[in-house]
Amino acid sequence: MGMGSLPATEATIAAAKVFFAKRWKEWLVENGRPDHGDLRGACVFATAFAHVLFGGRPVGNWHHLRLE
């Protein structure tokens, strides 16, 4: 399976969100960062993760990144 080879269906997006939220919490603990109970500060990591799964084009600026 190559980069961006998953279809972006409701089911695959929901599964990716669950996986990413869990992994984000693990990353916060591993790196001694506070857990605010949300995905605050995760946009770069989330965008890179989604890009590998679903493809798309990362867009944004210094403060925020997302897929288009």
C-alpha atoms as a PDB file:
ATOM      1  CA  MET A   1       0.000   0.000   0.000  1.00  0.00           C
ATOM      2  CA  GLY A   2       1.573   3.276  -1.080  1.00  0.00           C
ATOM      3  CA  MET A   3       1.233   6.855   0.069  1.00  0.00           C
ATOM      4  CA  GLY A   4      -2.331   8.073  -0.111  1.00  0.00           C
ATOM      5  CA  SER A   5      -3.754   4.754  -1.170  1.00  0.00           C
ATOM      6  CA  LEU A   6      -6.676   4.550   1.268  1.00  0.00           C
ATOM      7  CA  PRO A   7     -10.027   5.917   0.132  1.00  0.00           C
ATOM      8  CA  ALA A   8     -11.187   8.807   2.330  1.00  0.00           C
ATOM      9  CA  THR A   9     -14.500   7.263   3.358  1.00  0.00           C
ATOM     10  CA  GLU A  10     -16.389   8.011   6.564  1.00  0.00           C
ATOM     11  CA  ALA A  11     -15.214   4.684   7.990  1.00  0.00           C
ATOM     12  CA  THR A  12     -11.505   5.107   7.164  1.00  0.00           C
ATOM     13  CA  ILE A  13     -11.479   8.716   8.386  1.00  0.00           C
ATOM     14  CA  ALA A  14     -13.203   7.700  11.650  1.00  0.00           C
ATOM     15  CA  ALA A  15     -10.702   4.866  12.202  1.00  0.00           C
ATOM     16  CA  ALA A  16      -7.767   7.183  11.457  1.00  0.00           C
ATOM     17  CA  LYS A  17      -9.092   9.779  13.949  1.00  0.00           C
ATOM     18  CA  VAL A  18      -9.361   7.174  16.723  1.00  0.00           C
ATOM     19  CA  PHE A  19      -5.866   5.827  16.017  1.00  0.00           C
ATOM     20  CA  PHE A  20      -4.314   9.290  15.783  1.00  0.00           C
ATOM     21  CA  ALA A  21      -5.951  10.588  18.989  1.00  0.00           C
ATOM     22  CA  LYS A  22      -4.591   7.591  20.907  1.00  0.00           C
ATOM     23  CA  ARG A  23      -1.122   7.936  19.427  1.00  0.00           C
ATOM     24  CA  TRP A  24      -1.124  11.723  20.081  1.00  0.00           C
ATOM     25  CA  LYS A  25      -1.825  11.101  23.777  1.00  0.00           C
ATOM     26  CA  GLU A  26       1.009   8.555  23.879  1.00  0.00           C
ATOM     27  CA  TRP A  27       3.354  11.066  22.216  1.00  0.00           C
ATOM     28  CA  LEU A  28       2.454  13.732  24.795  1.00  0.00           C
ATOM     29  CA  VAL A  29       3.291  11.367  27.660  1.00  0.00           C
ATOM     30  CA  GLU A  30       6.509  10.140  26.013  1.00  0.00           C
ATOM     31  CA  ASN A  31       7.679  13.724  25.512  1.00  0.00           C
ATOM     32  CA  GLY A  32       6.575  15.122  28.887  1.00  0.00           C
ATOM     33  CA  ARG A  33       4.016  17.466  27.353  1.00  0.00           C
ATOM     34  CA  PRO A  34       0.744  18.490  29.016  1.00  0.00           C
ATOM     35  CA  ASP A  35      -2.426  16.765  27.816  1.00  0.00           C
ATOM     36  CA  HIS A  36      -5.105  19.416  27.265  1.00  0.00           C
ATOM     37  CA  GLY A  37      -7.694  16.769  26.378  1.00  0.00           C
ATOM     38  CA  ASP A  38      -7.800  17.765  22.721  1.00  0.00           C
ATOM     39  CA  LEU A  39      -5.538  17.776  19.674  1.00  0.00           C
ATOM     40  CA  ARG A  40      -4.068  21.194  20.412  1.00  0.00           C
ATOM     41  CA  GLY A  41      -0.701  21.463  18.681  1.00  0.00           C
ATOM     42  CA  ALA A  42      -1.184  18.303  16.621  1.00  0.00           C
ATOM     43  CA  CYS A  43      -1.933  19.816  13.212  1.00  0.00           C
ATOM     44  CA  VAL A  44       1.495  19.140  11.693  1.00  0.00           C
ATOM     45  CA  PHE A  45       1.549  15.534  12.919  1.00  0.00           C
ATOM     46  CA  ALA A  46      -2.100  14.946  11.983  1.00  0.00           C
ATOM     47  CA  THR A  47      -1.584  16.408   8.516  1.00  0.00           C
ATOM     48  CA  ALA A  48       1.493  14.257   7.879  1.00  0.00           C
ATOM     49  CA  PHE A  49      -0.370  11.153   9.102  1.00  0.00           C
ATOM     50  CA  ALA A  50      -3.456  11.865   6.962  1.00  0.00           C
ATOM     51  CA  HIS A  51      -1.286  12.704   3.951  1.00  0.00           C
ATOM     52  CA  VAL A  52       0.394   9.283   4.103  1.00  0.00           C
ATOM     53  CA  LEU A  53      -2.967   7.509   4.464  1.00  0.00           C
ATOM     54  CA  PHE A  54      -5.193   9.487   2.108  1.00  0.00           C
ATOM     55  CA  GLY A  55      -2.959  11.646  -0.071  1.00  0.00           C
ATOM     56  CA  GLY A  56      -3.934  15.231  -0.703  1.00  0.00           C
ATOM     57  CA  ARG A  57      -1.907  18.404  -0.570  1.00  0.00           C
ATOM     58  CA  PRO A  58      -0.706  19.900   2.722  1.00  0.00           C
ATOM     59  CA  VAL A  59      -1.544  23.613   2.877  1.00  0.00           C
ATOM     60  CA  GLY A  60      -1.278  26.220   5.599  1.00  0.00           C
ATOM     61  CA  ASN A  61       1.070  28.646   7.218  1.00  0.00           C
ATOM     62  CA  TRP A  62       3.434  28.937  10.170  1.00  0.00           C
ATOM     63  CA  HIS A  63       0.551  28.590  12.651  1.00  0.00           C
ATOM     64  CA  HIS A  64      -1.610  25.868  11.118  1.00  0.00           C
ATOM     65  CA  LEU A  65      -1.378  23.059   8.566  1.00  0.00           C
ATOM     66  CA  ARG A  66      -4.118  20.925   7.006  1.00  0.00           C
ATOM     67  CA  LEU A  67      -4.843  18.784   3.934  1.00  0.00           C
ATOM     68  CA  GLU A  68      -6.664  20.042   0.909  1.00  0.00           C
END
